[in-house]
Amino acid sequence: ERHQRQLIATNIDTVMLICGLDGD
């Protein structure tokens, strides 16, 4: 519940959003 940012990665050029062509 407490608001806090969580870094996933820094200094990146591209974010590839991976999604399966199945139930995902």
PDBML (XML) file of the C-alpha atoms, coordinates in Angstrom:
<?xml version="1.0" encoding="UTF-8" ?>
<PDBx:datablock datablockName="MODEL"
   xmlns:PDBx="http://pdbml.pdb.org/schema/pdbx-v50.xsd"
   xmlns:xsi="http://www.w3.org/2001/XMLSchema-instance"
   xsi:schemaLocation="http://pdbml.pdb.org/schema/pdbx-v50.xsd pdbx-v50.xsd">
   <PDBx:atom_siteCategory>
      <PDBx:atom_site id="1">
         <PDBx:B_iso_or_equiv>0.00</PDBx:B_iso_or_equiv>
         <PDBx:Cartn_x>0.000</PDBx:Cartn_x>
         <PDBx:Cartn_y>0.000</PDBx:Cartn_y>
         <PDBx:Cartn_z>0.000</PDBx:Cartn_z>
         <PDBx:auth_asym_id>A</PDBx:auth_asym_id>
         <PDBx:auth_atom_id>CA</PDBx:auth_atom_id>
         <PDBx:auth_comp_id>GLU</PDBx:auth_comp_id>
         <PDBx:auth_seq_id>1</PDBx:auth_seq_id>
         <PDBx:group_PDB>ATOM</PDBx:group_PDB>
         <PDBx:label_alt_id xsi:nil="true" />
         <PDBx:label_asym_id>A</PDBx:label_asym_id>
         <PDBx:label_atom_id>CA</PDBx:label_atom_id>
         <PDBx:label_comp_id>GLU</PDBx:label_comp_id>
         <PDBx:label_entity_id>1</PDBx:label_entity_id>
         <PDBx:label_seq_id>1</PDBx:label_seq_id>
         <PDBx:occupancy>1.00</PDBx:occupancy>
         <PDBx:pdbx_PDB_model_num>1</PDBx:pdbx_PDB_model_num>
         <PDBx:type_symbol>C</PDBx:type_symbol>
      </PDBx:atom_site>
      <PDBx:atom_site id="2">
         <PDBx:B_iso_or_equiv>0.00</PDBx:B_iso_or_equiv>
         <PDBx:Cartn_x>2.888</PDBx:Cartn_x>
         <PDBx:Cartn_y>2.392</PDBx:Cartn_y>
         <PDBx:Cartn_z>0.648</PDBx:Cartn_z>
         <PDBx:auth_asym_id>A</PDBx:auth_asym_id>
         <PDBx:auth_atom_id>CA</PDBx:auth_atom_id>
         <PDBx:auth_comp_id>ARG</PDBx:auth_comp_id>
         <PDBx:auth_seq_id>2</PDBx:auth_seq_id>
         <PDBx:group_PDB>ATOM</PDBx:group_PDB>
         <PDBx:label_alt_id xsi:nil="true" />
         <PDBx:label_asym_id>A</PDBx:label_asym_id>
         <PDBx:label_atom_id>CA</PDBx:label_atom_id>
         <PDBx:label_comp_id>ARG</PDBx:label_comp_id>
         <PDBx:label_entity_id>1</PDBx:label_entity_id>
         <PDBx:label_seq_id>2</PDBx:label_seq_id>
         <PDBx:occupancy>1.00</PDBx:occupancy>
         <PDBx:pdbx_PDB_model_num>1</PDBx:pdbx_PDB_model_num>
         <PDBx:type_symbol>C</PDBx:type_symbol>
      </PDBx:atom_site>
      <PDBx:atom_site id="3">
         <PDBx:B_iso_or_equiv>0.00</PDBx:B_iso_or_equiv>
         <PDBx:Cartn_x>3.793</PDBx:Cartn_x>
         <PDBx:Cartn_y>4.350</PDBx:Cartn_y>
         <PDBx:Cartn_z>-2.468</PDBx:Cartn_z>
         <PDBx:auth_asym_id>A</PDBx:auth_asym_id>
         <PDBx:auth_atom_id>CA</PDBx:auth_atom_id>
         <PDBx:auth_comp_id>HIS</PDBx:auth_comp_id>
         <PDBx:auth_seq_id>3</PDBx:auth_seq_id>
         <PDBx:group_PDB>ATOM</PDBx:group_PDB>
         <PDBx:label_alt_id xsi:nil="true" />
         <PDBx:label_asym_id>A</PDBx:label_asym_id>
         <PDBx:label_atom_id>CA</PDBx:label_atom_id>
         <PDBx:label_comp_id>HIS</PDBx:label_comp_id>
         <PDBx:label_entity_id>1</PDBx:label_entity_id>
         <PDBx:label_seq_id>3</PDBx:label_seq_id>
         <PDBx:occupancy>1.00</PDBx:occupancy>
         <PDBx:pdbx_PDB_model_num>1</PDBx:pdbx_PDB_model_num>
         <PDBx:type_symbol>C</PDBx:type_symbol>
      </PDBx:atom_site>
      <PDBx:atom_site id="4">
         <PDBx:B_iso_or_equiv>0.00</PDBx:B_iso_or_equiv>
         <PDBx:Cartn_x>7.371</PDBx:Cartn_x>
         <PDBx:Cartn_y>3.681</PDBx:Cartn_y>
         <PDBx:Cartn_z>-3.498</PDBx:Cartn_z>
         <PDBx:auth_asym_id>A</PDBx:auth_asym_id>
         <PDBx:auth_atom_id>CA</PDBx:auth_atom_id>
         <PDBx:auth_comp_id>GLN</PDBx:auth_comp_id>
         <PDBx:auth_seq_id>4</PDBx:auth_seq_id>
         <PDBx:group_PDB>ATOM</PDBx:group_PDB>
         <PDBx:label_alt_id xsi:nil="true" />
         <PDBx:label_asym_id>A</PDBx:label_asym_id>
         <PDBx:label_atom_id>CA</PDBx:label_atom_id>
         <PDBx:label_comp_id>GLN</PDBx:label_comp_id>
         <PDBx:label_entity_id>1</PDBx:label_entity_id>
         <PDBx:label_seq_id>4</PDBx:label_seq_id>
         <PDBx:occupancy>1.00</PDBx:occupancy>
         <PDBx:pdbx_PDB_model_num>1</PDBx:pdbx_PDB_model_num>
         <PDBx:type_symbol>C</PDBx:type_symbol>
      </PDBx:atom_site>
      <PDBx:atom_site id="5">
         <PDBx:B_iso_or_equiv>0.00</PDBx:B_iso_or_equiv>
         <PDBx:Cartn_x>8.981</PDBx:Cartn_x>
         <PDBx:Cartn_y>3.514</PDBx:Cartn_y>
         <PDBx:Cartn_z>-6.918</PDBx:Cartn_z>
         <PDBx:auth_asym_id>A</PDBx:auth_asym_id>
         <PDBx:auth_atom_id>CA</PDBx:auth_atom_id>
         <PDBx:auth_comp_id>ARG</PDBx:auth_comp_id>
         <PDBx:auth_seq_id>5</PDBx:auth_seq_id>
         <PDBx:group_PDB>ATOM</PDBx:group_PDB>
         <PDBx:label_alt_id xsi:nil="true" />
         <PDBx:label_asym_id>A</PDBx:label_asym_id>
         <PDBx:label_atom_id>CA</PDBx:label_atom_id>
         <PDBx:label_comp_id>ARG</PDBx:label_comp_id>
         <PDBx:label_entity_id>1</PDBx:label_entity_id>
         <PDBx:label_seq_id>5</PDBx:label_seq_id>
         <PDBx:occupancy>1.00</PDBx:occupancy>
         <PDBx:pdbx_PDB_model_num>1</PDBx:pdbx_PDB_model_num>
         <PDBx:type_symbol>C</PDBx:type_symbol>
      </PDBx:atom_site>
      <PDBx:atom_site id="6">
         <PDBx:B_iso_or_equiv>0.00</PDBx:B_iso_or_equiv>
         <PDBx:Cartn_x>10.875</PDBx:Cartn_x>
         <PDBx:Cartn_y>0.336</PDBx:Cartn_y>
         <PDBx:Cartn_z>-7.763</PDBx:Cartn_z>
         <PDBx:auth_asym_id>A</PDBx:auth_asym_id>
         <PDBx:auth_atom_id>CA</PDBx:auth_atom_id>
         <PDBx:auth_comp_id>GLN</PDBx:auth_comp_id>
         <PDBx:auth_seq_id>6</PDBx:auth_seq_id>
         <PDBx:group_PDB>ATOM</PDBx:group_PDB>
         <PDBx:label_alt_id xsi:nil="true" />
         <PDBx:label_asym_id>A</PDBx:label_asym_id>
         <PDBx:label_atom_id>CA</PDBx:label_atom_id>
         <PDBx:label_comp_id>GLN</PDBx:label_comp_id>
         <PDBx:label_entity_id>1</PDBx:label_entity_id>
         <PDBx:label_seq_id>6</PDBx:label_seq_id>
         <PDBx:occupancy>1.00</PDBx:occupancy>
         <PDBx:pdbx_PDB_model_num>1</PDBx:pdbx_PDB_model_num>
         <PDBx:type_symbol>C</PDBx:type_symbol>
      </PDBx:atom_site>
      <PDBx:atom_site id="7">
         <PDBx:B_iso_or_equiv>0.00</PDBx:B_iso_or_equiv>
         <PDBx:Cartn_x>13.493</PDBx:Cartn_x>
         <PDBx:Cartn_y>0.625</PDBx:Cartn_y>
         <PDBx:Cartn_z>-10.490</PDBx:Cartn_z>
         <PDBx:auth_asym_id>A</PDBx:auth_asym_id>
         <PDBx:auth_atom_id>CA</PDBx:auth_atom_id>
         <PDBx:auth_comp_id>LEU</PDBx:auth_comp_id>
         <PDBx:auth_seq_id>7</PDBx:auth_seq_id>
         <PDBx:group_PDB>ATOM</PDBx:group_PDB>
         <PDBx:label_alt_id xsi:nil="true" />
         <PDBx:label_asym_id>A</PDBx:label_asym_id>
         <PDBx:label_atom_id>CA</PDBx:label_atom_id>
         <PDBx:label_comp_id>LEU</PDBx:label_comp_id>
         <PDBx:label_entity_id>1</PDBx:label_entity_id>
         <PDBx:label_seq_id>7</PDBx:label_seq_id>
         <PDBx:occupancy>1.00</PDBx:occupancy>
         <PDBx:pdbx_PDB_model_num>1</PDBx:pdbx_PDB_model_num>
         <PDBx:type_symbol>C</PDBx:type_symbol>
      </PDBx:atom_site>
      <PDBx:atom_site id="8">
         <PDBx:B_iso_or_equiv>0.00</PDBx:B_iso_or_equiv>
         <PDBx:Cartn_x>13.406</PDBx:Cartn_x>
         <PDBx:Cartn_y>-2.151</PDBx:Cartn_y>
         <PDBx:Cartn_z>-13.073</PDBx:Cartn_z>
         <PDBx:auth_asym_id>A</PDBx:auth_asym_id>
         <PDBx:auth_atom_id>CA</PDBx:auth_atom_id>
         <PDBx:auth_comp_id>ILE</PDBx:auth_comp_id>
         <PDBx:auth_seq_id>8</PDBx:auth_seq_id>
         <PDBx:group_PDB>ATOM</PDBx:group_PDB>
         <PDBx:label_alt_id xsi:nil="true" />
         <PDBx:label_asym_id>A</PDBx:label_asym_id>
         <PDBx:label_atom_id>CA</PDBx:label_atom_id>
         <PDBx:label_comp_id>ILE</PDBx:label_comp_id>
         <PDBx:label_entity_id>1</PDBx:label_entity_id>
         <PDBx:label_seq_id>8</PDBx:label_seq_id>
         <PDBx:occupancy>1.00</PDBx:occupancy>
         <PDBx:pdbx_PDB_model_num>1</PDBx:pdbx_PDB_model_num>
         <PDBx:type_symbol>C</PDBx:type_symbol>
      </PDBx:atom_site>
      <PDBx:atom_site id="9">
         <PDBx:B_iso_or_equiv>0.00</PDBx:B_iso_or_equiv>
         <PDBx:Cartn_x>16.405</PDBx:Cartn_x>
         <PDBx:Cartn_y>-0.941</PDBx:Cartn_y>
         <PDBx:Cartn_z>-15.098</PDBx:Cartn_z>
         <PDBx:auth_asym_id>A</PDBx:auth_asym_id>
         <PDBx:auth_atom_id>CA</PDBx:auth_atom_id>
         <PDBx:auth_comp_id>ALA</PDBx:auth_comp_id>
         <PDBx:auth_seq_id>9</PDBx:auth_seq_id>
         <PDBx:group_PDB>ATOM</PDBx:group_PDB>
         <PDBx:label_alt_id xsi:nil="true" />
         <PDBx:label_asym_id>A</PDBx:label_asym_id>
         <PDBx:label_atom_id>CA</PDBx:label_atom_id>
         <PDBx:label_comp_id>ALA</PDBx:label_comp_id>
         <PDBx:label_entity_id>1</PDBx:label_entity_id>
         <PDBx:label_seq_id>9</PDBx:label_seq_id>
         <PDBx:occupancy>1.00</PDBx:occupancy>
         <PDBx:pdbx_PDB_model_num>1</PDBx:pdbx_PDB_model_num>
         <PDBx:type_symbol>C</PDBx:type_symbol>
      </PDBx:atom_site>
      <PDBx:atom_site id="10">
         <PDBx:B_iso_or_equiv>0.00</PDBx:B_iso_or_equiv>
         <PDBx:Cartn_x>18.251</PDBx:Cartn_x>
         <PDBx:Cartn_y>2.289</PDBx:Cartn_y>
         <PDBx:Cartn_z>-15.905</PDBx:Cartn_z>
         <PDBx:auth_asym_id>A</PDBx:auth_asym_id>
         <PDBx:auth_atom_id>CA</PDBx:auth_atom_id>
         <PDBx:auth_comp_id>THR</PDBx:auth_comp_id>
         <PDBx:auth_seq_id>10</PDBx:auth_seq_id>
         <PDBx:group_PDB>ATOM</PDBx:group_PDB>
         <PDBx:label_alt_id xsi:nil="true" />
         <PDBx:label_asym_id>A</PDBx:label_asym_id>
         <PDBx:label_atom_id>CA</PDBx:label_atom_id>
         <PDBx:label_comp_id>THR</PDBx:label_comp_id>
         <PDBx:label_entity_id>1</PDBx:label_entity_id>
         <PDBx:label_seq_id>10</PDBx:label_seq_id>
         <PDBx:occupancy>1.00</PDBx:occupancy>
         <PDBx:pdbx_PDB_model_num>1</PDBx:pdbx_PDB_model_num>
         <PDBx:type_symbol>C</PDBx:type_symbol>
      </PDBx:atom_site>
      <PDBx:atom_site id="11">
         <PDBx:B_iso_or_equiv>0.00</PDBx:B_iso_or_equiv>
         <PDBx:Cartn_x>20.161</PDBx:Cartn_x>
         <PDBx:Cartn_y>3.776</PDBx:Cartn_y>
         <PDBx:Cartn_z>-18.839</PDBx:Cartn_z>
         <PDBx:auth_asym_id>A</PDBx:auth_asym_id>
         <PDBx:auth_atom_id>CA</PDBx:auth_atom_id>
         <PDBx:auth_comp_id>ASN</PDBx:auth_comp_id>
         <PDBx:auth_seq_id>11</PDBx:auth_seq_id>
         <PDBx:group_PDB>ATOM</PDBx:group_PDB>
         <PDBx:label_alt_id xsi:nil="true" />
         <PDBx:label_asym_id>A</PDBx:label_asym_id>
         <PDBx:label_atom_id>CA</PDBx:label_atom_id>
         <PDBx:label_comp_id>ASN</PDBx:label_comp_id>
         <PDBx:label_entity_id>1</PDBx:label_entity_id>
         <PDBx:label_seq_id>11</PDBx:label_seq_id>
         <PDBx:occupancy>1.00</PDBx:occupancy>
         <PDBx:pdbx_PDB_model_num>1</PDBx:pdbx_PDB_model_num>
         <PDBx:type_symbol>C</PDBx:type_symbol>
      </PDBx:atom_site>
      <PDBx:atom_site id="12">
         <PDBx:B_iso_or_equiv>0.00</PDBx:B_iso_or_equiv>
         <PDBx:Cartn_x>18.245</PDBx:Cartn_x>
         <PDBx:Cartn_y>1.705</PDBx:Cartn_y>
         <PDBx:Cartn_z>-21.374</PDBx:Cartn_z>
         <PDBx:auth_asym_id>A</PDBx:auth_asym_id>
         <PDBx:auth_atom_id>CA</PDBx:auth_atom_id>
         <PDBx:auth_comp_id>ILE</PDBx:auth_comp_id>
         <PDBx:auth_seq_id>12</PDBx:auth_seq_id>
         <PDBx:group_PDB>ATOM</PDBx:group_PDB>
         <PDBx:label_alt_id xsi:nil="true" />
         <PDBx:label_asym_id>A</PDBx:label_asym_id>
         <PDBx:label_atom_id>CA</PDBx:label_atom_id>
         <PDBx:label_comp_id>ILE</PDBx:label_comp_id>
         <PDBx:label_entity_id>1</PDBx:label_entity_id>
         <PDBx:label_seq_id>12</PDBx:label_seq_id>
         <PDBx:occupancy>1.00</PDBx:occupancy>
         <PDBx:pdbx_PDB_model_num>1</PDBx:pdbx_PDB_model_num>
         <PDBx:type_symbol>C</PDBx:type_symbol>
      </PDBx:atom_site>
      <PDBx:atom_site id="13">
         <PDBx:B_iso_or_equiv>0.00</PDBx:B_iso_or_equiv>
         <PDBx:Cartn_x>17.410</PDBx:Cartn_x>
         <PDBx:Cartn_y>2.560</PDBx:Cartn_y>
         <PDBx:Cartn_z>-24.969</PDBx:Cartn_z>
         <PDBx:auth_asym_id>A</PDBx:auth_asym_id>
         <PDBx:auth_atom_id>CA</PDBx:auth_atom_id>
         <PDBx:auth_comp_id>ASP</PDBx:auth_comp_id>
         <PDBx:auth_seq_id>13</PDBx:auth_seq_id>
         <PDBx:group_PDB>ATOM</PDBx:group_PDB>
         <PDBx:label_alt_id xsi:nil="true" />
         <PDBx:label_asym_id>A</PDBx:label_asym_id>
         <PDBx:label_atom_id>CA</PDBx:label_atom_id>
         <PDBx:label_comp_id>ASP</PDBx:label_comp_id>
         <PDBx:label_entity_id>1</PDBx:label_entity_id>
         <PDBx:label_seq_id>13</PDBx:label_seq_id>
         <PDBx:occupancy>1.00</PDBx:occupancy>
         <PDBx:pdbx_PDB_model_num>1</PDBx:pdbx_PDB_model_num>
         <PDBx:type_symbol>C</PDBx:type_symbol>
      </PDBx:atom_site>
      <PDBx:atom_site id="14">
         <PDBx:B_iso_or_equiv>0.00</PDBx:B_iso_or_equiv>
         <PDBx:Cartn_x>14.718</PDBx:Cartn_x>
         <PDBx:Cartn_y>-0.021</PDBx:Cartn_y>
         <PDBx:Cartn_z>-25.692</PDBx:Cartn_z>
         <PDBx:auth_asym_id>A</PDBx:auth_asym_id>
         <PDBx:auth_atom_id>CA</PDBx:auth_atom_id>
         <PDBx:auth_comp_id>THR</PDBx:auth_comp_id>
         <PDBx:auth_seq_id>14</PDBx:auth_seq_id>
         <PDBx:group_PDB>ATOM</PDBx:group_PDB>
         <PDBx:label_alt_id xsi:nil="true" />
         <PDBx:label_asym_id>A</PDBx:label_asym_id>
         <PDBx:label_atom_id>CA</PDBx:label_atom_id>
         <PDBx:label_comp_id>THR</PDBx:label_comp_id>
         <PDBx:label_entity_id>1</PDBx:label_entity_id>
         <PDBx:label_seq_id>14</PDBx:label_seq_id>
         <PDBx:occupancy>1.00</PDBx:occupancy>
         <PDBx:pdbx_PDB_model_num>1</PDBx:pdbx_PDB_model_num>
         <PDBx:type_symbol>C</PDBx:type_symbol>
      </PDBx:atom_site>
      <PDBx:atom_site id="15">
         <PDBx:B_iso_or_equiv>0.00</PDBx:B_iso_or_equiv>
         <PDBx:Cartn_x>12.105</PDBx:Cartn_x>
         <PDBx:Cartn_y>-1.844</PDBx:Cartn_y>
         <PDBx:Cartn_z>-23.622</PDBx:Cartn_z>
         <PDBx:auth_asym_id>A</PDBx:auth_asym_id>
         <PDBx:auth_atom_id>CA</PDBx:auth_atom_id>
         <PDBx:auth_comp_id>VAL</PDBx:auth_comp_id>
         <PDBx:auth_seq_id>15</PDBx:auth_seq_id>
         <PDBx:group_PDB>ATOM</PDBx:group_PDB>
         <PDBx:label_alt_id xsi:nil="true" />
         <PDBx:label_asym_id>A</PDBx:label_asym_id>
         <PDBx:label_atom_id>CA</PDBx:label_atom_id>
         <PDBx:label_comp_id>VAL</PDBx:label_comp_id>
         <PDBx:label_entity_id>1</PDBx:label_entity_id>
         <PDBx:label_seq_id>15</PDBx:label_seq_id>
         <PDBx:occupancy>1.00</PDBx:occupancy>
         <PDBx:pdbx_PDB_model_num>1</PDBx:pdbx_PDB_model_num>
         <PDBx:type_symbol>C</PDBx:type_symbol>
      </PDBx:atom_site>
      <PDBx:atom_site id="16">
         <PDBx:B_iso_or_equiv>0.00</PDBx:B_iso_or_equiv>
         <PDBx:Cartn_x>10.971</PDBx:Cartn_x>
         <PDBx:Cartn_y>-5.060</PDBx:Cartn_y>
         <PDBx:Cartn_z>-25.285</PDBx:Cartn_z>
         <PDBx:auth_asym_id>A</PDBx:auth_asym_id>
         <PDBx:auth_atom_id>CA</PDBx:auth_atom_id>
         <PDBx:auth_comp_id>MET</PDBx:auth_comp_id>
         <PDBx:auth_seq_id>16</PDBx:auth_seq_id>
         <PDBx:group_PDB>ATOM</PDBx:group_PDB>
         <PDBx:label_alt_id xsi:nil="true" />
         <PDBx:label_asym_id>A</PDBx:label_asym_id>
         <PDBx:label_atom_id>CA</PDBx:label_atom_id>
         <PDBx:label_comp_id>MET</PDBx:label_comp_id>
         <PDBx:label_entity_id>1</PDBx:label_entity_id>
         <PDBx:label_seq_id>16</PDBx:label_seq_id>
         <PDBx:occupancy>1.00</PDBx:occupancy>
         <PDBx:pdbx_PDB_model_num>1</PDBx:pdbx_PDB_model_num>
         <PDBx:type_symbol>C</PDBx:type_symbol>
      </PDBx:atom_site>
      <PDBx:atom_site id="17">
         <PDBx:B_iso_or_equiv>0.00</PDBx:B_iso_or_equiv>
         <PDBx:Cartn_x>7.509</PDBx:Cartn_x>
         <PDBx:Cartn_y>-5.997</PDBx:Cartn_y>
         <PDBx:Cartn_z>-24.028</PDBx:Cartn_z>
         <PDBx:auth_asym_id>A</PDBx:auth_asym_id>
         <PDBx:auth_atom_id>CA</PDBx:auth_atom_id>
         <PDBx:auth_comp_id>LEU</PDBx:auth_comp_id>
         <PDBx:auth_seq_id>17</PDBx:auth_seq_id>
         <PDBx:group_PDB>ATOM</PDBx:group_PDB>
         <PDBx:label_alt_id xsi:nil="true" />
         <PDBx:label_asym_id>A</PDBx:label_asym_id>
         <PDBx:label_atom_id>CA</PDBx:label_atom_id>
         <PDBx:label_comp_id>LEU</PDBx:label_comp_id>
         <PDBx:label_entity_id>1</PDBx:label_entity_id>
         <PDBx:label_seq_id>17</PDBx:label_seq_id>
         <PDBx:occupancy>1.00</PDBx:occupancy>
         <PDBx:pdbx_PDB_model_num>1</PDBx:pdbx_PDB_model_num>
         <PDBx:type_symbol>C</PDBx:type_symbol>
      </PDBx:atom_site>
      <PDBx:atom_site id="18">
         <PDBx:B_iso_or_equiv>0.00</PDBx:B_iso_or_equiv>
         <PDBx:Cartn_x>7.395</PDBx:Cartn_x>
         <PDBx:Cartn_y>-9.791</PDBx:Cartn_y>
         <PDBx:Cartn_z>-24.300</PDBx:Cartn_z>
         <PDBx:auth_asym_id>A</PDBx:auth_asym_id>
         <PDBx:auth_atom_id>CA</PDBx:auth_atom_id>
         <PDBx:auth_comp_id>ILE</PDBx:auth_comp_id>
         <PDBx:auth_seq_id>18</PDBx:auth_seq_id>
         <PDBx:group_PDB>ATOM</PDBx:group_PDB>
         <PDBx:label_alt_id xsi:nil="true" />
         <PDBx:label_asym_id>A</PDBx:label_asym_id>
         <PDBx:label_atom_id>CA</PDBx:label_atom_id>
         <PDBx:label_comp_id>ILE</PDBx:label_comp_id>
         <PDBx:label_entity_id>1</PDBx:label_entity_id>
         <PDBx:label_seq_id>18</PDBx:label_seq_id>
         <PDBx:occupancy>1.00</PDBx:occupancy>
         <PDBx:pdbx_PDB_model_num>1</PDBx:pdbx_PDB_model_num>
         <PDBx:type_symbol>C</PDBx:type_symbol>
      </PDBx:atom_site>
      <PDBx:atom_site id="19">
         <PDBx:B_iso_or_equiv>0.00</PDBx:B_iso_or_equiv>
         <PDBx:Cartn_x>3.980</PDBx:Cartn_x>
         <PDBx:Cartn_y>-11.450</PDBx:Cartn_y>
         <PDBx:Cartn_z>-24.566</PDBx:Cartn_z>
         <PDBx:auth_asym_id>A</PDBx:auth_asym_id>
         <PDBx:auth_atom_id>CA</PDBx:auth_atom_id>
         <PDBx:auth_comp_id>CYS</PDBx:auth_comp_id>
         <PDBx:auth_seq_id>19</PDBx:auth_seq_id>
         <PDBx:group_PDB>ATOM</PDBx:group_PDB>
         <PDBx:label_alt_id xsi:nil="true" />
         <PDBx:label_asym_id>A</PDBx:label_asym_id>
         <PDBx:label_atom_id>CA</PDBx:label_atom_id>
         <PDBx:label_comp_id>CYS</PDBx:label_comp_id>
         <PDBx:label_entity_id>1</PDBx:label_entity_id>
         <PDBx:label_seq_id>19</PDBx:label_seq_id>
         <PDBx:occupancy>1.00</PDBx:occupancy>
         <PDBx:pdbx_PDB_model_num>1</PDBx:pdbx_PDB_model_num>
         <PDBx:type_symbol>C</PDBx:type_symbol>
      </PDBx:atom_site>
      <PDBx:atom_site id="20">
         <PDBx:B_iso_or_equiv>0.00</PDBx:B_iso_or_equiv>
         <PDBx:Cartn_x>3.208</PDBx:Cartn_x>
         <PDBx:Cartn_y>-15.010</PDBx:Cartn_y>
         <PDBx:Cartn_z>-25.605</PDBx:Cartn_z>
         <PDBx:auth_asym_id>A</PDBx:auth_asym_id>
         <PDBx:auth_atom_id>CA</PDBx:auth_atom_id>
         <PDBx:auth_comp_id>GLY</PDBx:auth_comp_id>
         <PDBx:auth_seq_id>20</PDBx:auth_seq_id>
         <PDBx:group_PDB>ATOM</PDBx:group_PDB>
         <PDBx:label_alt_id xsi:nil="true" />
         <PDBx:label_asym_id>A</PDBx:label_asym_id>
         <PDBx:label_atom_id>CA</PDBx:label_atom_id>
         <PDBx:label_comp_id>GLY</PDBx:label_comp_id>
         <PDBx:label_entity_id>1</PDBx:label_entity_id>
         <PDBx:label_seq_id>20</PDBx:label_seq_id>
         <PDBx:occupancy>1.00</PDBx:occupancy>
         <PDBx:pdbx_PDB_model_num>1</PDBx:pdbx_PDB_model_num>
         <PDBx:type_symbol>C</PDBx:type_symbol>
      </PDBx:atom_site>
      <PDBx:atom_site id="21">
         <PDBx:B_iso_or_equiv>0.00</PDBx:B_iso_or_equiv>
         <PDBx:Cartn_x>0.699</PDBx:Cartn_x>
         <PDBx:Cartn_y>-15.771</PDBx:Cartn_y>
         <PDBx:Cartn_z>-28.356</PDBx:Cartn_z>
         <PDBx:auth_asym_id>A</PDBx:auth_asym_id>
         <PDBx:auth_atom_id>CA</PDBx:auth_atom_id>
         <PDBx:auth_comp_id>LEU</PDBx:auth_comp_id>
         <PDBx:auth_seq_id>21</PDBx:auth_seq_id>
         <PDBx:group_PDB>ATOM</PDBx:group_PDB>
         <PDBx:label_alt_id xsi:nil="true" />
         <PDBx:label_asym_id>A</PDBx:label_asym_id>
         <PDBx:label_atom_id>CA</PDBx:label_atom_id>
         <PDBx:label_comp_id>LEU</PDBx:label_comp_id>
         <PDBx:label_entity_id>1</PDBx:label_entity_id>
         <PDBx:label_seq_id>21</PDBx:label_seq_id>
         <PDBx:occupancy>1.00</PDBx:occupancy>
         <PDBx:pdbx_PDB_model_num>1</PDBx:pdbx_PDB_model_num>
         <PDBx:type_symbol>C</PDBx:type_symbol>
      </PDBx:atom_site>
      <PDBx:atom_site id="22">
         <PDBx:B_iso_or_equiv>0.00</PDBx:B_iso_or_equiv>
         <PDBx:Cartn_x>-0.996</PDBx:Cartn_x>
         <PDBx:Cartn_y>-18.313</PDBx:Cartn_y>
         <PDBx:Cartn_z>-26.105</PDBx:Cartn_z>
         <PDBx:auth_asym_id>A</PDBx:auth_asym_id>
         <PDBx:auth_atom_id>CA</PDBx:auth_atom_id>
         <PDBx:auth_comp_id>ASP</PDBx:auth_comp_id>
         <PDBx:auth_seq_id>22</PDBx:auth_seq_id>
         <PDBx:group_PDB>ATOM</PDBx:group_PDB>
         <PDBx:label_alt_id xsi:nil="true" />
         <PDBx:label_asym_id>A</PDBx:label_asym_id>
         <PDBx:label_atom_id>CA</PDBx:label_atom_id>
         <PDBx:label_comp_id>ASP</PDBx:label_comp_id>
         <PDBx:label_entity_id>1</PDBx:label_entity_id>
         <PDBx:label_seq_id>22</PDBx:label_seq_id>
         <PDBx:occupancy>1.00</PDBx:occupancy>
         <PDBx:pdbx_PDB_model_num>1</PDBx:pdbx_PDB_model_num>
         <PDBx:type_symbol>C</PDBx:type_symbol>
      </PDBx:atom_site>
      <PDBx:atom_site id="23">
         <PDBx:B_iso_or_equiv>0.00</PDBx:B_iso_or_equiv>
         <PDBx:Cartn_x>-2.979</PDBx:Cartn_x>
         <PDBx:Cartn_y>-17.796</PDBx:Cartn_y>
         <PDBx:Cartn_z>-22.913</PDBx:Cartn_z>
         <PDBx:auth_asym_id>A</PDBx:auth_asym_id>
         <PDBx:auth_atom_id>CA</PDBx:auth_atom_id>
         <PDBx:auth_comp_id>GLY</PDBx:auth_comp_id>
         <PDBx:auth_seq_id>23</PDBx:auth_seq_id>
         <PDBx:group_PDB>ATOM</PDBx:group_PDB>
         <PDBx:label_alt_id xsi:nil="true" />
         <PDBx:label_asym_id>A</PDBx:label_asym_id>
         <PDBx:label_atom_id>CA</PDBx:label_atom_id>
         <PDBx:label_comp_id>GLY</PDBx:label_comp_id>
         <PDBx:label_entity_id>1</PDBx:label_entity_id>
         <PDBx:label_seq_id>23</PDBx:label_seq_id>
         <PDBx:occupancy>1.00</PDBx:occupancy>
         <PDBx:pdbx_PDB_model_num>1</PDBx:pdbx_PDB_model_num>
         <PDBx:type_symbol>C</PDBx:type_symbol>
      </PDBx:atom_site>
      <PDBx:atom_site id="24">
         <PDBx:B_iso_or_equiv>0.00</PDBx:B_iso_or_equiv>
         <PDBx:Cartn_x>-0.498</PDBx:Cartn_x>
         <PDBx:Cartn_y>-15.058</PDBx:Cartn_y>
         <PDBx:Cartn_z>-21.995</PDBx:Cartn_z>
         <PDBx:auth_asym_id>A</PDBx:auth_asym_id>
         <PDBx:auth_atom_id>CA</PDBx:auth_atom_id>
         <PDBx:auth_comp_id>ASP</PDBx:auth_comp_id>
         <PDBx:auth_seq_id>24</PDBx:auth_seq_id>
         <PDBx:group_PDB>ATOM</PDBx:group_PDB>
         <PDBx:label_alt_id xsi:nil="true" />
         <PDBx:label_asym_id>A</PDBx:label_asym_id>
         <PDBx:label_atom_id>CA</PDBx:label_atom_id>
         <PDBx:label_comp_id>ASP</PDBx:label_comp_id>
         <PDBx:label_entity_id>1</PDBx:label_entity_id>
         <PDBx:label_seq_id>24</PDBx:label_seq_id>
         <PDBx:occupancy>1.00</PDBx:occupancy>
         <PDBx:pdbx_PDB_model_num>1</PDBx:pdbx_PDB_model_num>
         <PDBx:type_symbol>C</PDBx:type_symbol>
      </PDBx:atom_site>
   </PDBx:atom_siteCategory>
</PDBx:datablock>
